[in-house]
Amino acid sequence: MDKLDAKIIVASYSITCSQIRRFAISLIVEGSSDGGSNWYVLDRQTSQKFDSYFQRKLYRVGSRHTQSNAIRFTFLSVRDVKSTLRLQICSIYLYAGNC
């Protein structure tokens, strides 16, 4: 969970994968407007596939226009569970919309 100094509307986010087999194929992004006491789902992704190392994907948050001052990502499974259960991500960026 990452707490922000001010409330923002998350319009989109990007994730860069560093190892293909260690990337999460399913994830949930949640926001909180009270510092993490109560959460609401901003976005949910399933069956995601990265085809190359250090590939970046941009995800747009749907119609959820609630201001958040805390964001958390929950990663549910990795791509290749037979070879590893470890998760590896290069970067996550949040992009704010209009408040």
C-alpha atoms as a PDB file:
ATOM      1  CA  MET A   1       0.000   0.000   0.000  1.00  0.00           C
ATOM      2  CA  ASP A   2       1.229   3.457  -0.847  1.00  0.00           C
ATOM      3  CA  LYS A   3      -0.191   6.508   0.946  1.00  0.00           C
ATOM      4  CA  LEU A   4      -0.266   9.755  -0.994  1.00  0.00           C
ATOM      5  CA  ASP A   5       0.124  13.303   0.331  1.00  0.00           C
ATOM      6  CA  ALA A   6      -3.093  14.408  -1.383  1.00  0.00           C
ATOM      7  CA  LYS A   7      -6.138  12.712  -2.851  1.00  0.00           C
ATOM      8  CA  ILE A   8      -5.980  11.961  -6.575  1.00  0.00           C
ATOM      9  CA  ILE A   9      -8.199  10.309  -9.148  1.00  0.00           C
ATOM     10  CA  VAL A  10      -6.278   7.425 -10.697  1.00  0.00           C
ATOM     11  CA  ALA A  11      -6.999   7.592 -14.438  1.00  0.00           C
ATOM     12  CA  SER A  12      -4.560   4.871 -15.488  1.00  0.00           C
ATOM     13  CA  TYR A  13      -1.490   2.948 -14.417  1.00  0.00           C
ATOM     14  CA  SER A  14       1.334   1.126 -16.130  1.00  0.00           C
ATOM     15  CA  ILE A  15       3.306  -1.943 -15.174  1.00  0.00           C
ATOM     16  CA  THR A  16       6.665  -2.972 -16.588  1.00  0.00           C
ATOM     17  CA  CYS A  17       7.519  -6.653 -16.446  1.00  0.00           C
ATOM     18  CA  SER A  18      11.141  -7.604 -15.847  1.00  0.00           C
ATOM     19  CA  GLN A  19      10.814 -11.405 -16.085  1.00  0.00           C
ATOM     20  CA  ILE A  20       8.057 -12.912 -18.215  1.00  0.00           C
ATOM     21  CA  ARG A  21       7.484 -16.057 -16.173  1.00  0.00           C
ATOM     22  CA  ARG A  22       7.438 -14.110 -12.884  1.00  0.00           C
ATOM     23  CA  PHE A  23       4.775 -11.600 -13.849  1.00  0.00           C
ATOM     24  CA  ALA A  24       1.313 -11.730 -12.305  1.00  0.00           C
ATOM     25  CA  ILE A  25      -1.352 -12.701 -14.793  1.00  0.00           C
ATOM     26  CA  SER A  26      -4.166 -11.592 -12.501  1.00  0.00           C
ATOM     27  CA  LEU A  27      -4.254  -8.493 -10.317  1.00  0.00           C
ATOM     28  CA  ILE A  28      -6.572  -6.124  -8.481  1.00  0.00           C
ATOM     29  CA  VAL A  29      -5.940  -2.394  -7.956  1.00  0.00           C
ATOM     30  CA  GLU A  30      -7.748  -0.768  -5.048  1.00  0.00           C
ATOM     31  CA  GLY A  31      -8.053   2.765  -3.753  1.00  0.00           C
ATOM     32  CA  SER A  32      -8.931   4.243  -0.388  1.00  0.00           C
ATOM     33  CA  SER A  33     -10.091   7.757   0.443  1.00  0.00           C
ATOM     34  CA  ASP A  34      -9.518   7.375   4.190  1.00  0.00           C
ATOM     35  CA  GLY A  35      -5.855   6.339   4.323  1.00  0.00           C
ATOM     36  CA  GLY A  36      -6.453   2.592   4.035  1.00  0.00           C
ATOM     37  CA  SER A  37      -9.308   1.837   6.424  1.00  0.00           C
ATOM     38  CA  ASN A  38     -11.827   1.108   3.653  1.00  0.00           C
ATOM     39  CA  TRP A  39     -11.031  -0.028   0.102  1.00  0.00           C
ATOM     40  CA  TYR A  40     -12.841   0.007  -3.258  1.00  0.00           C
ATOM     41  CA  VAL A  41     -11.804  -1.709  -6.485  1.00  0.00           C
ATOM     42  CA  LEU A  42     -10.410   0.626  -9.142  1.00  0.00           C
ATOM     43  CA  ASP A  43      -9.446  -2.040 -11.672  1.00  0.00           C
ATOM     44  CA  ARG A  44      -9.186  -5.794 -12.085  1.00  0.00           C
ATOM     45  CA  GLN A  45      -7.102  -7.599 -14.709  1.00  0.00           C
ATOM     46  CA  THR A  46      -7.070 -11.310 -15.564  1.00  0.00           C
ATOM     47  CA  SER A  47      -5.243 -13.428 -18.130  1.00  0.00           C
ATOM     48  CA  GLN A  48      -2.539 -10.819 -18.711  1.00  0.00           C
ATOM     49  CA  LYS A  49       0.398 -11.845 -20.880  1.00  0.00           C
ATOM     50  CA  PHE A  50       3.718 -10.115 -21.410  1.00  0.00           C
ATOM     51  CA  ASP A  51       5.617 -11.252 -24.495  1.00  0.00           C
ATOM     52  CA  SER A  52       9.036  -9.728 -23.892  1.00  0.00           C
ATOM     53  CA  TYR A  53      11.304  -8.676 -21.064  1.00  0.00           C
ATOM     54  CA  PHE A  54      10.834  -5.087 -19.846  1.00  0.00           C
ATOM     55  CA  GLN A  55       7.568  -4.759 -21.760  1.00  0.00           C
ATOM     56  CA  ARG A  56       5.313  -1.996 -20.417  1.00  0.00           C
ATOM     57  CA  LYS A  57       1.526  -2.133 -20.459  1.00  0.00           C
ATOM     58  CA  LEU A  58      -0.846   0.737 -19.796  1.00  0.00           C
ATOM     59  CA  TYR A  59      -4.199   0.061 -18.133  1.00  0.00           C
ATOM     60  CA  ARG A  60      -6.979   2.629 -18.023  1.00  0.00           C
ATOM     61  CA  VAL A  61      -9.138   2.723 -14.929  1.00  0.00           C
ATOM     62  CA  GLY A  62     -12.810   2.447 -15.884  1.00  0.00           C
ATOM     63  CA  SER A  63     -15.513   4.780 -14.697  1.00  0.00           C
ATOM     64  CA  ARG A  64     -14.388   4.822 -11.054  1.00  0.00           C
ATOM     65  CA  HIS A  65     -13.765   8.535 -10.439  1.00  0.00           C
ATOM     66  CA  THR A  66     -13.255   8.488  -6.681  1.00  0.00           C
ATOM     67  CA  GLN A  67     -10.421  10.434  -5.110  1.00  0.00           C
ATOM     68  CA  SER A  68      -7.883   8.222  -3.351  1.00  0.00           C
ATOM     69  CA  ASN A  69      -5.073   8.927  -0.917  1.00  0.00           C
ATOM     70  CA  ALA A  70      -3.929   5.293  -0.682  1.00  0.00           C
ATOM     71  CA  ILE A  71      -3.473   2.730  -3.468  1.00  0.00           C
ATOM     72  CA  ARG A  72      -2.762  -0.985  -3.212  1.00  0.00           C
ATOM     73  CA  PHE A  73      -2.060  -3.688  -5.764  1.00  0.00           C
ATOM     74  CA  THR A  74      -2.946  -7.315  -5.061  1.00  0.00           C
ATOM     75  CA  PHE A  75      -1.250  -9.815  -7.355  1.00  0.00           C
ATOM     76  CA  LEU A  76      -3.136 -13.111  -7.478  1.00  0.00           C
ATOM     77  CA  SER A  77      -1.019 -15.493  -9.569  1.00  0.00           C
ATOM     78  CA  VAL A  78       2.146 -15.662 -11.662  1.00  0.00           C
ATOM     79  CA  ARG A  79       2.401 -16.777 -15.270  1.00  0.00           C
ATOM     80  CA  ASP A  80       4.492 -19.921 -14.841  1.00  0.00           C
ATOM     81  CA  VAL A  81       3.596 -21.518 -11.496  1.00  0.00           C
ATOM     82  CA  LYS A  82       5.456 -24.732 -12.409  1.00  0.00           C
ATOM     83  CA  SER A  83       8.824 -22.985 -12.492  1.00  0.00           C
ATOM     84  CA  THR A  84       8.373 -20.271  -9.844  1.00  0.00           C
ATOM     85  CA  LEU A  85       5.921 -18.784  -7.387  1.00  0.00           C
ATOM     86  CA  ARG A  86       7.907 -15.563  -7.136  1.00  0.00           C
ATOM     87  CA  LEU A  87       6.640 -12.271  -8.445  1.00  0.00           C
ATOM     88  CA  GLN A  88       8.954  -9.812 -10.172  1.00  0.00           C
ATOM     89  CA  ILE A  89       7.967  -6.381 -11.465  1.00  0.00           C
ATOM     90  CA  CYS A  90      10.270  -3.689 -12.795  1.00  0.00           C
ATOM     91  CA  SER A  91       8.010  -0.658 -12.215  1.00  0.00           C
ATOM     92  CA  ILE A  92       4.495   0.568 -11.507  1.00  0.00           C
ATOM     93  CA  TYR A  93       3.407   4.104 -12.419  1.00  0.00           C
ATOM     94  CA  LEU A  94       0.155   5.832 -11.465  1.00  0.00           C
ATOM     95  CA  TYR A  95      -1.323   8.532 -13.697  1.00  0.00           C
ATOM     96  CA  ALA A  96      -3.763  10.998 -12.144  1.00  0.00           C
ATOM     97  CA  GLY A  97      -6.872  12.372 -13.792  1.00  0.00           C
ATOM     98  CA  ASN A  98      -8.810  15.530 -13.043  1.00  0.00           C
ATOM     99  CA  CYS A  99      -9.907  15.990  -9.420  1.00  0.00           C
END
